[in-house]
PDB file of N, CA and C in Angstrom:
ATOM      1  N   MET A   1      40.540  64.674   1.474  1.00  0.00           N
ATOM      2  CA  MET A   1      40.128  66.004   1.030  1.00  0.00           C
ATOM      3  C   MET A   1      40.387  67.072   2.005  1.00  0.00           C
ATOM      4  N   MET A   2      40.730  66.520   3.508  1.00  0.00           N
ATOM      5  CA  MET A   2      40.843  67.661   4.289  1.00  0.00           C
ATOM      6  C   MET A   2      42.453  68.004   4.155  1.00  0.00           C
ATOM      7  N   LYS A   3      43.333  67.181   3.790  1.00  0.00           N
ATOM      8  CA  LYS A   3      44.811  67.654   3.647  1.00  0.00           C
ATOM      9  C   LYS A   3      45.039  68.813   2.861  1.00  0.00           C
ATOM     10  N   PRO A   4      44.619  68.987   1.516  1.00  0.00           N
ATOM     11  CA  PRO A   4      44.618  70.041   0.846  1.00  0.00           C
ATOM     12  C   PRO A   4      44.166  71.379   1.578  1.00  0.00           C
ATOM     13  N   ILE A   5      43.178  71.219   2.292  1.00  0.00           N
ATOM     14  CA  ILE A   5      42.537  72.266   2.943  1.00  0.00           C
ATOM     15  C   ILE A   5      43.444  72.845   4.087  1.00  0.00           C
ATOM     16  N   ALA A   6      43.841  71.816   4.880  1.00  0.00           N
ATOM     17  CA  ALA A   6      44.772  72.150   6.024  1.00  0.00           C
ATOM     18  C   ALA A   6      46.028  72.673   5.573  1.00  0.00           C
ATOM     19  N   ASP A   7      46.565  72.363   4.362  1.00  0.00           N
ATOM     20  CA  ASP A   7      47.706  72.748   3.787  1.00  0.00           C
ATOM     21  C   ASP A   7      47.590  74.305   3.292  1.00  0.00           C
ATOM     22  N   LEU A   8      46.464  74.370   2.633  1.00  0.00           N
ATOM     23  CA  LEU A   8      46.157  75.797   1.998  1.00  0.00           C
ATOM     24  C   LEU A   8      46.034  76.864   3.066  1.00  0.00           C
ATOM     25  N   LEU A   9      45.305  76.356   4.192  1.00  0.00           N
ATOM     26  CA  LEU A   9      45.124  77.390   5.425  1.00  0.00           C
ATOM     27  C   LEU A   9      46.415  77.652   6.161  1.00  0.00           C
ATOM     28  N   GLY A  10      47.238  76.610   6.265  1.00  0.00           N
ATOM     29  CA  GLY A  10      48.642  76.593   6.893  1.00  0.00           C
ATOM     30  C   GLY A  10      49.410  77.714   6.104  1.00  0.00           C
ATOM     31  N   TRP A  11      49.364  77.680   4.877  1.00  0.00           N
ATOM     32  CA  TRP A  11      50.214  78.488   4.016  1.00  0.00           C
ATOM     33  C   TRP A  11      49.534  79.876   4.027  1.00  0.00           C
ATOM     34  N   ALA A  12      48.430  80.039   3.944  1.00  0.00           N
ATOM     35  CA  ALA A  12      47.694  81.280   4.005  1.00  0.00           C
ATOM     36  C   ALA A  12      47.996  81.880   5.315  1.00  0.00           C
ATOM     37  N   GLY A  13      47.766  81.356   6.371  1.00  0.00           N
ATOM     38  CA  GLY A  13      48.077  81.691   7.728  1.00  0.00           C
ATOM     39  C   GLY A  13      49.492  82.305   7.859  1.00  0.00           C
ATOM     40  N   ALA A  14      50.523  81.467   7.454  1.00  0.00           N
ATOM     41  CA  ALA A  14      51.913  81.859   7.315  1.00  0.00           C
ATOM     42  C   ALA A  14      52.108  83.190   6.673  1.00  0.00           C
ATOM     43  N   LEU A  15      51.537  83.347   5.541  1.00  0.00           N
ATOM     44  CA  LEU A  15      51.788  84.593   4.654  1.00  0.00           C
ATOM     45  C   LEU A  15      51.006  85.711   5.152  1.00  0.00           C
ATOM     46  N   ILE A  16      49.830  85.530   5.906  1.00  0.00           N
ATOM     47  CA  ILE A  16      49.037  86.633   6.681  1.00  0.00           C
ATOM     48  C   ILE A  16      49.900  87.065   7.657  1.00  0.00           C
ATOM     49  N   LEU A  17      50.436  86.288   8.547  1.00  0.00           N
ATOM     50  CA  LEU A  17      51.283  86.753   9.652  1.00  0.00           C
ATOM     51  C   LEU A  17      52.615  87.381   9.227  1.00  0.00           C
ATOM     52  N   LEU A  18      53.231  86.719   8.182  1.00  0.00           N
ATOM     53  CA  LEU A  18      54.409  87.460   7.854  1.00  0.00           C
ATOM     54  C   LEU A  18      54.201  88.692   7.137  1.00  0.00           C
ATOM     55  N   SER A  19      53.107  88.963   6.582  1.00  0.00           N
ATOM     56  CA  SER A  19      52.895  90.311   5.749  1.00  0.00           C
ATOM     57  C   SER A  19      52.475  91.145   6.772  1.00  0.00           C
ATOM     58  N   ALA A  20      51.639  90.804   8.044  1.00  0.00           N
ATOM     59  CA  ALA A  20      51.479  91.928   8.809  1.00  0.00           C
ATOM     60  C   ALA A  20      52.721  92.176   9.551  1.00  0.00           C
ATOM     61  N   TYR A  21      53.589  91.238   9.718  1.00  0.00           N
ATOM     62  CA  TYR A  21      54.664  91.437  10.589  1.00  0.00           C
ATOM     63  C   TYR A  21      55.743  92.474   9.762  1.00  0.00           C
ATOM     64  N   GLY A  22      55.763  92.165   8.498  1.00  0.00           N
ATOM     65  CA  GLY A  22      56.681  92.946   7.539  1.00  0.00           C
ATOM     66  C   GLY A  22      55.920  94.420   7.564  1.00  0.00           C
ATOM     67  N   ALA A  23      54.463  94.473   7.292  1.00  0.00           N
ATOM     68  CA  ALA A  23      53.969  95.761   7.267  1.00  0.00           C
ATOM     69  C   ALA A  23      54.169  96.722   8.448  1.00  0.00           C
ATOM     70  N   VAL A  24      54.293  96.135   9.695  1.00  0.00           N
ATOM     71  CA  VAL A  24      54.514  96.730  10.844  1.00  0.00           C
ATOM     72  C   VAL A  24      56.174  97.094  10.952  1.00  0.00           C
ATOM     73  N   SER A  25      56.985  96.431  10.567  1.00  0.00           N
ATOM     74  CA  SER A  25      58.336  96.688  10.572  1.00  0.00           C
ATOM     75  C   SER A  25      58.841  97.448   9.723  1.00  0.00           C
ATOM     76  N   PHE A  26      58.104  97.716   8.567  1.00  0.00           N
ATOM     77  CA  PHE A  26      58.300  98.688   7.681  1.00  0.00           C
ATOM     78  C   PHE A  26      57.587 100.105   7.678  1.00  0.00           C
ATOM     79  N   ARG A  27      56.748  99.923   8.654  1.00  0.00           N
ATOM     80  CA  ARG A  27      55.924 101.181   9.190  1.00  0.00           C
ATOM     81  C   ARG A  27      54.916 101.350   8.053  1.00  0.00           C
ATOM     82  N   ARG A  28      54.232 100.308   7.562  1.00  0.00           N
ATOM     83  CA  ARG A  28      53.098 100.445   6.535  1.00  0.00           C
ATOM     84  C   ARG A  28      51.884 100.558   7.258  1.00  0.00           C
ATOM     85  N   ILE A  29      51.999  99.849   8.412  1.00  0.00           N
ATOM     86  CA  ILE A  29      50.742  99.935   9.435  1.00  0.00           C
ATOM     87  C   ILE A  29      51.297  99.838  10.813  1.00  0.00           C
ATOM     88  N   ARG A  30      50.265 100.422  11.764  1.00  0.00           N
ATOM     89  CA  ARG A  30      50.874 100.574  13.124  1.00  0.00           C
ATOM     90  C   ARG A  30      50.452  99.471  14.009  1.00  0.00           C
ATOM     91  N   PRO A  31      51.283  99.067  14.886  1.00  0.00           N
ATOM     92  CA  PRO A  31      51.145  97.806  15.554  1.00  0.00           C
ATOM     93  C   PRO A  31      49.888  97.815  16.467  1.00  0.00           C
ATOM     94  N   GLU A  32      49.419  99.036  16.755  1.00  0.00           N
ATOM     95  CA  GLU A  32      48.188  99.096  17.379  1.00  0.00           C
ATOM     96  C   GLU A  32      46.983  99.272  16.668  1.00  0.00           C
ATOM     97  N   SER A  33      47.023  99.025  15.460  1.00  0.00           N
ATOM     98  CA  SER A  33      45.857  99.210  14.533  1.00  0.00           C
ATOM     99  C   SER A  33      45.003  97.791  14.412  1.00  0.00           C
ATOM    100  N   GLY A  34      43.827  98.200  14.138  1.00  0.00           N
ATOM    101  CA  GLY A  34      42.914  96.974  14.081  1.00  0.00           C
ATOM    102  C   GLY A  34      43.227  96.101  12.788  1.00  0.00           C
ATOM    103  N   LEU A  35      43.752  96.481  11.754  1.00  0.00           N
ATOM    104  CA  LEU A  35      44.023  95.695  10.829  1.00  0.00           C
ATOM    105  C   LEU A  35      45.363  94.629  11.201  1.00  0.00           C
ATOM    106  N   TYR A  36      46.154  95.207  11.777  1.00  0.00           N
ATOM    107  CA  TYR A  36      47.391  94.229  12.268  1.00  0.00           C
ATOM    108  C   TYR A  36      46.825  93.361  13.305  1.00  0.00           C
ATOM    109  N   GLN A  37      45.851  93.610  14.148  1.00  0.00           N
ATOM    110  CA  GLN A  37      45.333  92.694  15.146  1.00  0.00           C
ATOM    111  C   GLN A  37      44.527  91.676  14.434  1.00  0.00           C
ATOM    112  N   PHE A  38      43.724  92.122  13.474  1.00  0.00           N
ATOM    113  CA  PHE A  38      42.923  91.234  12.717  1.00  0.00           C
ATOM    114  C   PHE A  38      43.625  90.329  11.893  1.00  0.00           C
ATOM    115  N   CYS A  39      44.894  90.626  11.243  1.00  0.00           N
ATOM    116  CA  CYS A  39      45.494  89.705  10.535  1.00  0.00           C
ATOM    117  C   CYS A  39      46.297  88.783  11.608  1.00  0.00           C
ATOM    118  N   ASN A  40      46.866  89.148  12.611  1.00  0.00           N
ATOM    119  CA  ASN A  40      47.321  88.230  13.707  1.00  0.00           C
ATOM    120  C   ASN A  40      46.287  87.149  14.039  1.00  0.00           C
ATOM    121  N   GLY A  41      45.154  87.620  14.462  1.00  0.00           N
ATOM    122  CA  GLY A  41      44.052  86.721  14.617  1.00  0.00           C
ATOM    123  C   GLY A  41      43.792  85.705  13.549  1.00  0.00           C
ATOM    124  N   LEU A  42      43.484  86.215  12.458  1.00  0.00           N
ATOM    125  CA  LEU A  42      43.301  85.420  11.399  1.00  0.00           C
ATOM    126  C   LEU A  42      44.280  84.419  10.826  1.00  0.00           C
ATOM    127  N   GLY A  43      45.650  84.919  10.786  1.00  0.00           N
ATOM    128  CA  GLY A  43      46.653  84.023  10.612  1.00  0.00           C
ATOM    129  C   GLY A  43      46.809  82.902  11.500  1.00  0.00           C
ATOM    130  N   GLY A  44      46.574  83.356  12.878  1.00  0.00           N
ATOM    131  CA  GLY A  44      46.591  82.418  13.996  1.00  0.00           C
ATOM    132  C   GLY A  44      45.556  81.399  13.773  1.00  0.00           C
ATOM    133  N   ILE A  45      44.493  81.641  13.400  1.00  0.00           N
ATOM    134  CA  ILE A  45      43.382  80.658  13.262  1.00  0.00           C
ATOM    135  C   ILE A  45      43.823  79.679  12.198  1.00  0.00           C
ATOM    136  N   PHE A  46      44.068  80.308  11.070  1.00  0.00           N
ATOM    137  CA  PHE A  46      44.552  79.372   9.904  1.00  0.00           C
ATOM    138  C   PHE A  46      45.588  78.326  10.355  1.00  0.00           C
ATOM    139  N   LEU A  47      46.624  78.768  11.185  1.00  0.00           N
ATOM    140  CA  LEU A  47      47.675  78.032  11.451  1.00  0.00           C
ATOM    141  C   LEU A  47      47.239  76.962  12.544  1.00  0.00           C
ATOM    142  N   VAL A  48      46.332  77.330  13.328  1.00  0.00           N
ATOM    143  CA  VAL A  48      45.820  76.250  14.192  1.00  0.00           C
ATOM    144  C   VAL A  48      45.231  75.289  13.649  1.00  0.00           C
ATOM    145  N   VAL A  49      44.411  75.476  12.639  1.00  0.00           N
ATOM    146  CA  VAL A  49      43.797  74.346  11.897  1.00  0.00           C
ATOM    147  C   VAL A  49      44.782  73.419  11.361  1.00  0.00           C
ATOM    148  N   ASN A  50      45.866  74.141  10.728  1.00  0.00           N
ATOM    149  CA  ASN A  50      46.692  73.336  10.152  1.00  0.00           C
ATOM    150  C   ASN A  50      47.718  72.467  11.043  1.00  0.00           C
ATOM    151  N   THR A  51      48.059  73.073  12.275  1.00  0.00           N
ATOM    152  CA  THR A  51      48.715  72.410  13.205  1.00  0.00           C
ATOM    153  C   THR A  51      48.012  71.479  14.002  1.00  0.00           C
ATOM    154  N   VAL A  52      46.823  71.416  14.157  1.00  0.00           N
ATOM    155  CA  VAL A  52      46.016  70.527  14.953  1.00  0.00           C
ATOM    156  C   VAL A  52      45.820  69.275  13.776  1.00  0.00           C
ATOM    157  N   TYR A  53      45.606  69.587  12.540  1.00  0.00           N
ATOM    158  CA  TYR A  53      45.394  68.542  11.584  1.00  0.00           C
ATOM    159  C   TYR A  53      46.704  67.779  11.602  1.00  0.00           C
ATOM    160  N   TYR A  54      47.884  68.253  11.657  1.00  0.00           N
ATOM    161  CA  TYR A  54      49.118  67.499  11.514  1.00  0.00           C
ATOM    162  C   TYR A  54      49.546  67.166  12.898  1.00  0.00           C
ATOM    163  N   HIS A  55      48.511  67.380  14.003  1.00  0.00           N
ATOM    164  CA  HIS A  55      48.970  66.849  15.446  1.00  0.00           C
ATOM    165  C   HIS A  55      50.292  67.576  16.001  1.00  0.00           C
ATOM    166  N   ALA A  56      50.583  68.783  15.456  1.00  0.00           N
ATOM    167  CA  ALA A  56      51.715  69.564  15.918  1.00  0.00           C
ATOM    168  C   ALA A  56      51.188  70.343  17.116  1.00  0.00           C
ATOM    169  N   TYR A  57      50.875  69.821  18.352  1.00  0.00           N
ATOM    170  CA  TYR A  57      50.103  70.471  19.310  1.00  0.00           C
ATOM    171  C   TYR A  57      50.997  71.470  20.051  1.00  0.00           C
ATOM    172  N   PRO A  58      52.242  71.449  20.021  1.00  0.00           N
ATOM    173  CA  PRO A  58      52.942  72.616  20.616  1.00  0.00           C
ATOM    174  C   PRO A  58      52.860  73.738  19.899  1.00  0.00           C
ATOM    175  N   SER A  59      52.801  73.845  18.535  1.00  0.00           N
ATOM    176  CA  SER A  59      52.555  74.727  17.432  1.00  0.00           C
ATOM    177  C   SER A  59      51.197  75.308  17.561  1.00  0.00           C
ATOM    178  N   ALA A  60      50.301  74.602  17.705  1.00  0.00           N
ATOM    179  CA  ALA A  60      48.904  74.696  17.944  1.00  0.00           C
ATOM    180  C   ALA A  60      48.596  75.634  19.186  1.00  0.00           C
ATOM    181  N   PHE A  61      49.279  75.252  20.400  1.00  0.00           N
ATOM    182  CA  PHE A  61      49.191  75.988  21.539  1.00  0.00           C
ATOM    183  C   PHE A  61      49.819  77.397  21.372  1.00  0.00           C
ATOM    184  N   VAL A  62      50.995  77.481  20.709  1.00  0.00           N
ATOM    185  CA  VAL A  62      51.548  78.828  20.472  1.00  0.00           C
ATOM    186  C   VAL A  62      50.487  79.719  19.595  1.00  0.00           C
ATOM    187  N   ASN A  63      49.841  79.204  18.625  1.00  0.00           N
ATOM    188  CA  ASN A  63      49.068  80.089  17.798  1.00  0.00           C
ATOM    189  C   ASN A  63      47.748  80.253  18.567  1.00  0.00           C
ATOM    190  N   VAL A  64      47.261  79.491  19.522  1.00  0.00           N
ATOM    191  CA  VAL A  64      46.022  79.710  20.367  1.00  0.00           C
ATOM    192  C   VAL A  64      46.476  80.884  21.135  1.00  0.00           C
ATOM    193  N   VAL A  65      47.553  80.854  21.816  1.00  0.00           N
ATOM    194  CA  VAL A  65      47.942  82.114  22.696  1.00  0.00           C
ATOM    195  C   VAL A  65      48.102  83.320  21.727  1.00  0.00           C
ATOM    196  N   TRP A  66      48.543  83.217  20.548  1.00  0.00           N
ATOM    197  CA  TRP A  66      48.840  84.302  19.724  1.00  0.00           C
ATOM    198  C   TRP A  66      47.383  84.981  19.332  1.00  0.00           C
ATOM    199  N   ILE A  67      46.354  84.028  19.229  1.00  0.00           N
ATOM    200  CA  ILE A  67      45.144  84.498  18.802  1.00  0.00           C
ATOM    201  C   ILE A  67      44.692  85.374  20.021  1.00  0.00           C
ATOM    202  N   ALA A  68      44.734  84.756  21.288  1.00  0.00           N
ATOM    203  CA  ALA A  68      44.318  85.298  22.533  1.00  0.00           C
ATOM    204  C   ALA A  68      44.836  86.803  22.637  1.00  0.00           C
ATOM    205  N   ILE A  69      46.124  87.005  22.418  1.00  0.00           N
ATOM    206  CA  ILE A  69      46.908  88.214  22.388  1.00  0.00           C
ATOM    207  C   ILE A  69      46.335  89.187  21.542  1.00  0.00           C
ATOM    208  N   ALA A  70      46.038  88.548  20.119  1.00  0.00           N
ATOM    209  CA  ALA A  70      45.496  89.428  19.132  1.00  0.00           C
ATOM    210  C   ALA A  70      44.056  89.854  19.495  1.00  0.00           C
ATOM    211  N   LEU A  71      43.274  89.083  20.117  1.00  0.00           N
ATOM    212  CA  LEU A  71      41.886  89.498  20.577  1.00  0.00           C
ATOM    213  C   LEU A  71      41.973  90.428  21.582  1.00  0.00           C
ATOM    214  N   ALA A  72      42.854  90.157  22.624  1.00  0.00           N
ATOM    215  CA  ALA A  72      43.041  91.161  23.755  1.00  0.00           C
ATOM    216  C   ALA A  72      43.339  92.530  23.262  1.00  0.00           C
ATOM    217  N   ALA A  73      44.391  92.562  22.258  1.00  0.00           N
ATOM    218  CA  ALA A  73      44.890  93.900  21.840  1.00  0.00           C
ATOM    219  C   ALA A  73      43.870  94.539  21.014  1.00  0.00           C
ATOM    220  N   ARG A  74      43.128  93.703  20.107  1.00  0.00           N
ATOM    221  CA  ARG A  74      42.079  94.339  19.253  1.00  0.00           C
ATOM    222  C   ARG A  74      40.968  94.929  20.450  1.00  0.00           C
ATOM    223  N   ALA A  75      40.756  94.300  21.448  1.00  0.00           N
ATOM    224  CA  ALA A  75      39.617  94.795  22.336  1.00  0.00           C
ATOM    225  C   ALA A  75      40.149  96.092  23.054  1.00  0.00           C
ATOM    226  N   ARG A  76      41.503  96.201  23.282  1.00  0.00           N
ATOM    227  CA  ARG A  76      42.009  97.394  24.058  1.00  0.00           C
ATOM    228  C   ARG A  76      42.067  98.586  22.852  1.00  0.00           C
ATOM    229  N   VAL A  77      42.193  98.305  21.601  1.00  0.00           N
ATOM    230  CA  VAL A  77      42.215  99.271  20.524  1.00  0.00           C
ATOM    231  C   VAL A  77      40.627  99.762  20.329  1.00  0.00           C
ATOM    232  N   LYS A  78      39.870  98.938  20.476  1.00  0.00           N
ATOM    233  CA  LYS A  78      38.482  99.407  20.237  1.00  0.00           C
ATOM    234  C   LYS A  78      38.130 100.225  21.637  1.00  0.00           C
ATOM    235  N   ALA A  79      38.452  99.606  22.684  1.00  0.00           N
ATOM    236  CA  ALA A  79      38.040 100.686  23.852  1.00  0.00           C
ATOM    237  C   ALA A  79      38.622 101.933  23.891  1.00  0.00           C
ATOM    238  N   ARG A  80      39.900 102.061  23.351  1.00  0.00           N
ATOM    239  CA  ARG A  80      40.656 103.394  23.266  1.00  0.00           C
ATOM    240  C   ARG A  80      39.845 104.237  22.346  1.00  0.00           C
ATOM    241  N   SER A  81      39.399 103.688  21.139  1.00  0.00           N
ATOM    242  CA  SER A  81      38.799 104.447  20.238  1.00  0.00           C
ATOM    243  C   SER A  81      37.423 104.872  20.586  1.00  0.00           C
ATOM    244  N   ALA A  82      36.718 104.140  21.304  1.00  0.00           N
ATOM    245  CA  ALA A  82      35.482 104.413  22.039  1.00  0.00           C
ATOM    246  C   ALA A  82      35.644 105.654  23.149  1.00  0.00           C
ATOM    247  N   TYR A  83      36.775 105.533  23.846  1.00  0.00           N
ATOM    248  CA  TYR A  83      37.013 106.583  24.818  1.00  0.00           C
ATOM    249  C   TYR A  83      38.309 107.142  24.542  1.00  0.00           C
ATOM    250  N   PRO A  84      38.384 108.079  23.633  1.00  0.00           N
ATOM    251  CA  PRO A  84      39.991 108.396  23.377  1.00  0.00           C
ATOM    252  C   PRO A  84      40.428 109.302  24.473  1.00  0.00           C
ATOM    253  N   GLN A  85      39.661 109.933  25.449  1.00  0.00           N
ATOM    254  CA  GLN A  85      40.261 110.567  26.542  1.00  0.00           C
ATOM    255  C   GLN A  85      40.741 109.799  27.506  1.00  0.00           C
ATOM    256  N   ALA A  86      40.511 108.569  27.573  1.00  0.00           N
ATOM    257  CA  ALA A  86      40.913 107.628  28.627  1.00  0.00           C
ATOM    258  C   ALA A  86      42.449 107.230  28.004  1.00  0.00           C
ATOM    259  N   ALA A  87      42.658 107.265  26.656  1.00  0.00           N
ATOM    260  CA  ALA A  87      43.900 106.931  26.298  1.00  0.00           C
ATOM    261  C   ALA A  87      44.983 107.831  26.747  1.00  0.00           C
ATOM    262  N   ASP A  88      44.729 109.035  27.134  1.00  0.00           N
ATOM    263  CA  ASP A  88      45.661 110.090  27.340  1.00  0.00           C
ATOM    264  C   ASP A  88      45.918 109.997  28.985  1.00  0.00           C
ATOM    265  N   ASN A  89      45.419 109.015  29.767  1.00  0.00           N
ATOM    266  CA  ASN A  89      45.552 109.097  31.090  1.00  0.00           C
ATOM    267  C   ASN A  89      46.717 108.045  31.343  1.00  0.00           C
TER     268      ASN A  89
END
């Protein structure tokens, strides 16, 4: 029962990440937007589930780092929106 769920999450994660990358590349969304960082985090989480299920630990590691970067970038975006004058410095 877990295999179909792991596969579904893996494909969904890949599509989310590729869609976000495409949207940024074609300037549909900005790389510093919350939506972009959310998509990076969610896609990364889905891919971690898939790669851990299949014991692809190097890929799981890359995705854990990807999630950490997305979370840090999201926190930075939130901080800048809370204190917009700080972003000008």
